[in-house]
C-alpha atoms as a PDB file:
ATOM      1  CA  MET A   1      -0.770   7.647 -11.428  1.00  0.00           C
ATOM      2  CA  VAL A   2      -3.807   7.674  -9.378  1.00  0.00           C
ATOM      3  CA  SER A   3      -6.740   9.450 -11.314  1.00  0.00           C
ATOM      4  CA  SER A   4      -6.852  13.112 -10.977  1.00  0.00           C
ATOM      5  CA  GLU A   5     -10.418  13.008  -9.977  1.00  0.00           C
ATOM      6  CA  THR A   6      -9.432  12.084  -6.389  1.00  0.00           C
ATOM      7  CA  VAL A   7      -5.483  11.836  -6.129  1.00  0.00           C
ATOM      8  CA  GLY A   8      -3.641  13.811  -8.796  1.00  0.00           C
ATOM      9  CA  ALA A   9      -1.835  17.184  -8.125  1.00  0.00           C
ATOM     10  CA  GLU A  10      -4.094  17.653  -4.999  1.00  0.00           C
ATOM     11  CA  THR A  11      -4.106  15.810  -1.957  1.00  0.00           C
ATOM     12  CA  VAL A  12      -7.240  13.838  -1.039  1.00  0.00           C
ATOM     13  CA  GLY A  13      -8.043  12.605   2.405  1.00  0.00           C
ATOM     14  CA  VAL A  14     -10.515  11.418   5.034  1.00  0.00           C
ATOM     15  CA  GLU A  15     -10.345  11.953   8.678  1.00  0.00           C
ATOM     16  CA  SER A  16      -9.044   9.047  10.612  1.00  0.00           C
ATOM     17  CA  GLY A  17      -8.256   8.114  14.368  1.00  0.00           C
ATOM     18  CA  SER A  18     -10.534   9.447  17.217  1.00  0.00           C
ATOM     19  CA  VAL A  19     -10.891  12.306  19.320  1.00  0.00           C
ATOM     20  CA  GLU A  20     -11.771  12.259  22.973  1.00  0.00           C
ATOM     21  CA  SER A  21     -15.154  13.449  23.913  1.00  0.00           C
ATOM     22  CA  GLY A  22     -14.974  17.257  24.746  1.00  0.00           C
ATOM     23  CA  SER A  23     -11.818  17.928  22.861  1.00  0.00           C
ATOM     24  CA  THR A  24     -12.115  20.695  20.305  1.00  0.00           C
ATOM     25  CA  GLU A  25      -8.805  19.069  18.383  1.00  0.00           C
ATOM     26  CA  ARG A  26     -10.035  17.447  14.935  1.00  0.00           C
ATOM     27  CA  PRO A  27      -8.655  14.064  13.772  1.00  0.00           C
ATOM     28  CA  ALA A  28      -5.553  14.023  11.621  1.00  0.00           C
ATOM     29  CA  ARG A  29      -6.616  13.535   8.014  1.00  0.00           C
ATOM     30  CA  THR A  30      -5.117  10.230   6.224  1.00  0.00           C
ATOM     31  CA  THR A  31      -3.852  11.574   2.679  1.00  0.00           C
ATOM     32  CA  LEU A  32      -2.302  10.041  -0.466  1.00  0.00           C
ATOM     33  CA  LEU A  33       0.153  12.187  -2.360  1.00  0.00           C
ATOM     34  CA  PRO A  34       1.958  11.561  -5.825  1.00  0.00           C
ATOM     35  CA  VAL A  35       5.496  11.271  -5.113  1.00  0.00           C
ATOM     36  CA  GLY A  36       7.721  13.399  -7.322  1.00  0.00           C
ATOM     37  CA  PRO A  37      11.371  14.442  -7.311  1.00  0.00           C
ATOM     38  CA  GLN A  38      10.883  16.324  -3.600  1.00  0.00           C
ATOM     39  CA  LEU A  39       9.055  13.481  -1.760  1.00  0.00           C
ATOM     40  CA  ARG A  40      11.113  10.653  -3.389  1.00  0.00           C
ATOM     41  CA  PRO A  41      13.996  10.931  -0.698  1.00  0.00           C
ATOM     42  CA  VAL A  42      10.856  10.363   2.011  1.00  0.00           C
ATOM     43  CA  VAL A  43       9.844   7.301   0.182  1.00  0.00           C
ATOM     44  CA  GLU A  44      13.239   5.811  -0.080  1.00  0.00           C
ATOM     45  CA  ARG A  45      13.968   6.246   3.505  1.00  0.00           C
ATOM     46  CA  LEU A  46      10.451   4.825   4.513  1.00  0.00           C
ATOM     47  CA  ALA A  47      11.335   1.780   1.998  1.00  0.00           C
ATOM     48  CA  GLN A  48      14.165   0.962   4.378  1.00  0.00           C
ATOM     49  CA  LEU A  49      11.682   0.286   7.323  1.00  0.00           C
ATOM     50  CA  TYR A  50       9.406  -1.462   4.948  1.00  0.00           C
ATOM     51  CA  ARG A  51      12.191  -3.913   3.554  1.00  0.00           C
ATOM     52  CA  HIS A  52      13.363  -4.193   7.579  1.00  0.00           C
ATOM     53  CA  ASP A  53       9.654  -5.271   8.025  1.00  0.00           C
ATOM     54  CA  MET A  54       9.573  -7.857   5.400  1.00  0.00           C
ATOM     55  CA  SER A  55      12.804  -9.118   6.265  1.00  0.00           C
ATOM     56  CA  GLU A  56      10.931 -11.490   8.864  1.00  0.00           C
ATOM     57  CA  PHE A  57       8.973 -13.228   6.077  1.00  0.00           C
ATOM     58  CA  LEU A  58      11.287 -12.857   3.159  1.00  0.00           C
ATOM     59  CA  GLY A  59      14.716 -13.519   4.865  1.00  0.00           C
ATOM     60  CA  TYR A  60      16.280 -10.025   3.745  1.00  0.00           C
ATOM     61  CA  LEU A  61      19.409  -9.080   5.210  1.00  0.00           C
ATOM     62  CA  PRO A  62      21.019  -5.856   5.056  1.00  0.00           C
ATOM     63  CA  SER A  63      24.074  -4.665   2.787  1.00  0.00           C
ATOM     64  CA  PRO A  64      27.406  -4.117   4.466  1.00  0.00           C
ATOM     65  CA  ASP A  65      26.584  -0.617   4.915  1.00  0.00           C
ATOM     66  CA  GLY A  66      23.385  -1.459   6.896  1.00  0.00           C
ATOM     67  CA  THR A  67      21.024  -0.715   4.235  1.00  0.00           C
ATOM     68  CA  PHE A  68      18.441  -3.123   2.524  1.00  0.00           C
ATOM     69  CA  GLU A  69      18.686  -3.275  -1.101  1.00  0.00           C
ATOM     70  CA  PHE A  70      15.379  -2.569  -3.034  1.00  0.00           C
ATOM     71  CA  GLY A  71      16.474  -2.681  -6.445  1.00  0.00           C
ATOM     72  CA  ARG A  72      12.973  -2.321  -8.087  1.00  0.00           C
ATOM     73  CA  LEU A  73      12.202   0.694  -6.089  1.00  0.00           C
ATOM     74  CA  PRO A  74      13.435   3.238  -8.514  1.00  0.00           C
ATOM     75  CA  LEU A  75      11.080   1.716 -11.137  1.00  0.00           C
ATOM     76  CA  PHE A  76       7.992   3.231  -9.415  1.00  0.00           C
ATOM     77  CA  PHE A  77       9.325   6.558  -9.562  1.00  0.00           C
ATOM     78  CA  ASP A  78      10.648   6.525 -13.555  1.00  0.00           C
ATOM     79  CA  GLU A  79       8.778   3.432 -15.149  1.00  0.00           C
ATOM     80  CA  PRO A  80       5.412   4.788 -16.815  1.00  0.00           C
ATOM     81  CA  GLY A  81       2.469   2.957 -15.468  1.00  0.00           C
ATOM     82  CA  ARG A  82       3.752   2.437 -12.019  1.00  0.00           C
ATOM     83  CA  SER A  83       3.412   4.665  -9.295  1.00  0.00           C
ATOM     84  CA  ALA A  84       4.759   5.577  -5.694  1.00  0.00           C
ATOM     85  CA  LEU A  85       2.160   7.395  -3.137  1.00  0.00           C
ATOM     86  CA  LEU A  86       3.039   8.860   0.065  1.00  0.00           C
ATOM     87  CA  ILE A  87       0.609   8.203   2.906  1.00  0.00           C
ATOM     88  CA  ARG A  88       0.402  11.120   5.237  1.00  0.00           C
ATOM     89  CA  TYR A  89      -1.020  11.310   8.614  1.00  0.00           C
ATOM     90  CA  GLY A  90      -1.914  15.124   8.993  1.00  0.00           C
ATOM     91  CA  SER A  91       1.603  16.468   8.156  1.00  0.00           C
ATOM     92  CA  ALA A  92       3.566  13.521   8.936  1.00  0.00           C
ATOM     93  CA  PRO A  93       4.935  10.969   6.820  1.00  0.00           C
ATOM     94  CA  ALA A  94       2.852   7.723   7.482  1.00  0.00           C
ATOM     95  CA  GLY A  95       3.915   5.241   5.090  1.00  0.00           C
ATOM     96  CA  PHE A  96       3.892   4.597   1.340  1.00  0.00           C
ATOM     97  CA  VAL A  97       2.077   2.547  -1.827  1.00  0.00           C
ATOM     98  CA  LEU A  98       3.695   1.207  -4.913  1.00  0.00           C
ATOM     99  CA  THR A  99       1.546   0.081  -7.752  1.00  0.00           C
ATOM    100  CA  ARG A 100       2.222  -1.234 -11.186  1.00  0.00           C
ATOM    101  CA  PRO A 101       0.011  -2.511 -14.069  1.00  0.00           C
ATOM    102  CA  MET A 102      -0.572  -6.117 -14.607  1.00  0.00           C
ATOM    103  CA  PRO A 103      -0.943  -8.375 -17.522  1.00  0.00           C
ATOM    104  CA  GLY A 104      -4.805  -8.204 -18.335  1.00  0.00           C
ATOM    105  CA  GLY A 105      -5.336  -4.851 -17.148  1.00  0.00           C
ATOM    106  CA  ALA A 106      -5.575  -5.075 -13.195  1.00  0.00           C
ATOM    107  CA  THR A 107      -3.401  -2.921 -10.904  1.00  0.00           C
ATOM    108  CA  SER A 108      -1.001  -4.464  -8.429  1.00  0.00           C
ATOM    109  CA  ILE A 109      -0.510  -3.123  -5.026  1.00  0.00           C
ATOM    110  CA  SER A 110       3.143  -4.128  -5.032  1.00  0.00           C
ATOM    111  CA  ALA A 111       4.107  -2.593  -1.739  1.00  0.00           C
ATOM    112  CA  PHE A 112       2.236  -1.113   1.101  1.00  0.00           C
ATOM    113  CA  PHE A 113       3.780   0.200   4.086  1.00  0.00           C
ATOM    114  CA  VAL A 114       2.699   2.175   7.255  1.00  0.00           C
ATOM    115  CA  VAL A 115       4.560   3.102  10.243  1.00  0.00           C
ATOM    116  CA  ARG A 116       4.295   1.089  13.427  1.00  0.00           C
ATOM    117  CA  ALA A 117       3.139   3.951  15.658  1.00  0.00           C
ATOM    118  CA  LEU A 118       0.005   4.152  13.294  1.00  0.00           C
ATOM    119  CA  ARG A 119      -0.927   0.418  12.615  1.00  0.00           C
ATOM    120  CA  ARG A 120      -4.218  -0.581  13.796  1.00  0.00           C
ATOM    121  CA  ARG A 121      -5.485   3.145  14.334  1.00  0.00           C
ATOM    122  CA  GLY A 122      -7.357   2.856  10.955  1.00  0.00           C
ATOM    123  CA  VAL A 123      -4.719   4.960   8.687  1.00  0.00           C
ATOM    124  CA  GLY A 124      -3.714   2.102   6.593  1.00  0.00           C
ATOM    125  CA  ARG A 125      -7.196   1.133   5.863  1.00  0.00           C
ATOM    126  CA  GLU A 126      -8.302   4.753   5.027  1.00  0.00           C
ATOM    127  CA  ALA A 127      -5.132   4.999   2.631  1.00  0.00           C
ATOM    128  CA  ALA A 128      -5.696   1.479   1.201  1.00  0.00           C
ATOM    129  CA  LEU A 129      -9.487   2.343   0.422  1.00  0.00           C
ATOM    130  CA  GLN A 130      -8.780   5.616  -0.877  1.00  0.00           C
ATOM    131  CA  LEU A 131      -6.322   4.178  -3.277  1.00  0.00           C
ATOM    132  CA  LEU A 132      -8.782   1.568  -4.331  1.00  0.00           C
ATOM    133  CA  ARG A 133     -11.790   4.062  -5.043  1.00  0.00           C
ATOM    134  CA  SER A 134      -9.708   6.448  -6.722  1.00  0.00           C
ATOM    135  CA  ARG A 135      -9.137   4.040  -9.669  1.00  0.00           C
ATOM    136  CA  PRO A 136     -12.045   1.964 -10.352  1.00  0.00           C
ATOM    137  CA  GLY A 137     -11.011  -1.267 -11.922  1.00  0.00           C
ATOM    138  CA  ALA A 138      -9.768  -4.874 -11.245  1.00  0.00           C
ATOM    139  CA  TRP A 139      -6.812  -5.002  -8.381  1.00  0.00           C
ATOM    140  CA  ALA A 140      -4.227  -7.773  -7.563  1.00  0.00           C
ATOM    141  CA  ILE A 141      -3.045  -7.308  -3.939  1.00  0.00           C
ATOM    142  CA  ALA A 142      -0.195  -9.835  -3.006  1.00  0.00           C
ATOM    143  CA  PHE A 143       0.964 -10.708   0.559  1.00  0.00           C
ATOM    144  CA  GLN A 144       2.817 -13.699   2.478  1.00  0.00           C
ATOM    145  CA  PRO A 145       0.614 -16.219   3.895  1.00  0.00           C
ATOM    146  CA  ALA A 146       3.056 -16.053   7.157  1.00  0.00           C
ATOM    147  CA  ASN A 147       2.100 -12.441   7.583  1.00  0.00           C
ATOM    148  CA  ALA A 148      -1.303 -13.087   9.642  1.00  0.00           C
ATOM    149  CA  GLY A 149      -1.350  -9.371  10.072  1.00  0.00           C
ATOM    150  CA  ALA A 150      -1.417  -8.527   6.477  1.00  0.00           C
ATOM    151  CA  ALA A 151      -3.900 -11.411   5.731  1.00  0.00           C
ATOM    152  CA  ARG A 152      -6.614  -9.838   7.880  1.00  0.00           C
ATOM    153  CA  PHE A 153      -5.704  -6.450   6.965  1.00  0.00           C
ATOM    154  CA  TRP A 154      -6.292  -7.096   3.004  1.00  0.00           C
ATOM    155  CA  ARG A 155      -9.015  -9.254   3.702  1.00  0.00           C
ATOM    156  CA  GLY A 156     -10.612  -6.459   5.771  1.00  0.00           C
ATOM    157  CA  VAL A 157     -10.106  -3.875   3.102  1.00  0.00           C
ATOM    158  CA  ALA A 158     -11.308  -6.193   0.011  1.00  0.00           C
ATOM    159  CA  THR A 159     -14.541  -6.810   2.027  1.00  0.00           C
ATOM    160  CA  ALA A 160     -15.006  -2.733   2.773  1.00  0.00           C
ATOM    161  CA  ALA A 161     -14.182  -2.176  -0.894  1.00  0.00           C
ATOM    162  CA  VAL A 162     -16.623  -4.533  -2.599  1.00  0.00           C
ATOM    163  CA  GLY A 163     -18.214  -6.606   0.075  1.00  0.00           C
ATOM    164  CA  SER A 164     -17.937 -10.488  -0.461  1.00  0.00           C
ATOM    165  CA  ASP A 165     -17.175  -9.860  -4.317  1.00  0.00           C
ATOM    166  CA  TRP A 166     -13.538 -10.840  -4.029  1.00  0.00           C
ATOM    167  CA  ARG A 167     -11.557 -14.141  -3.981  1.00  0.00           C
ATOM    168  CA  GLU A 168      -8.220 -15.188  -2.773  1.00  0.00           C
ATOM    169  CA  GLU A 169      -5.768 -17.566  -4.371  1.00  0.00           C
ATOM    170  CA  SER A 170      -1.837 -18.781  -4.175  1.00  0.00           C
ATOM    171  CA  ARG A 171       0.664 -17.999  -6.643  1.00  0.00           C
ATOM    172  CA  PRO A 172       4.687 -18.359  -6.897  1.00  0.00           C
ATOM    173  CA  VAL A 173       6.526 -15.774  -6.557  1.00  0.00           C
ATOM    174  CA  PRO A 174       8.924 -15.018  -9.673  1.00  0.00           C
ATOM    175  CA  ALA A 175      12.622 -16.421  -8.965  1.00  0.00           C
ATOM    176  CA  SER A 176      13.542 -12.763 -10.377  1.00  0.00           C
ATOM    177  CA  VAL A 177      11.898 -11.176  -7.512  1.00  0.00           C
ATOM    178  CA  THR A 178      13.294 -13.507  -4.590  1.00  0.00           C
ATOM    179  CA  ALA A 179      14.648 -16.964  -4.815  1.00  0.00           C
ATOM    180  CA  ASN A 180      13.060 -19.600  -3.135  1.00  0.00           C
ATOM    181  CA  ALA A 181      10.259 -17.685  -1.555  1.00  0.00           C
ATOM    182  CA  PRO A 182       7.262 -19.226  -0.744  1.00  0.00           C
ATOM    183  CA  ASP A 183       4.152 -18.920  -2.702  1.00  0.00           C
ATOM    184  CA  ASP A 184       2.172 -15.448  -2.088  1.00  0.00           C
ATOM    185  CA  GLN A 185      -1.452 -14.971  -1.278  1.00  0.00           C
ATOM    186  CA  TRP A 186      -3.412 -12.598  -3.527  1.00  0.00           C
ATOM    187  CA  ILE A 187      -6.473 -10.970  -3.421  1.00  0.00           C
ATOM    188  CA  LEU A 188      -8.387 -10.304  -6.571  1.00  0.00           C
ATOM    189  CA  LEU A 189     -11.193  -7.588  -6.847  1.00  0.00           C
ATOM    190  CA  ASP A 190     -12.858  -5.200  -9.006  1.00  0.00           C
ATOM    191  CA  THR A 191     -13.805  -1.866  -7.650  1.00  0.00           C
ATOM    192  CA  GLU A 192     -15.754  -0.855 -11.102  1.00  0.00           C
ATOM    193  CA  SER A 193     -19.073  -1.951  -9.732  1.00  0.00           C
ATOM    194  CA  PRO A 194     -18.432  -2.473  -5.845  1.00  0.00           C
ATOM    195  CA  SER A 195     -20.973  -3.495  -3.535  1.00  0.00           C
ATOM    196  CA  PRO A 196     -19.629  -2.420  -0.094  1.00  0.00           C
ATOM    197  CA  ARG A 197     -20.927  -3.596   3.155  1.00  0.00           C
END
């Protein structure tokens, strides 16, 4: 779970988006909420959109009932050390983040999803930076090399979080996760002593 200093029982957020000149309307806030029983169905529904998006890169097909299987999703609600966070933009569900501990002490962002209507508007970037700043330490972020948008996004987030003090490497996808998948790209960084630009 994200540290109570920044994201615990309370919502944390920063303003995103822009407001037209002369408008009295405040920009919506991007916030991260820990997912408990009440928010779990929201993330489960958003996870269907995520799996659909990932089908382009990993070849997922829907089950006969039209839903995408996501067998590991319950682990993020139930297994100690794993967490699910809902991304909100104002009061609207905007996406989710799934994290898990890695051997050696790093935290992995296992899944990160923002609804299409809010992409390229700063919502995902704000959510990712909030998360990285809320848990100082080592982070490991995987994405598919064929997903050029994810590559640009995560490289930009890493640079915003720690300047040039991050590295990238290729690692095989475990067969237990997806058979015959191409290697993942991993961004490795440490937010303990960031030197942001």
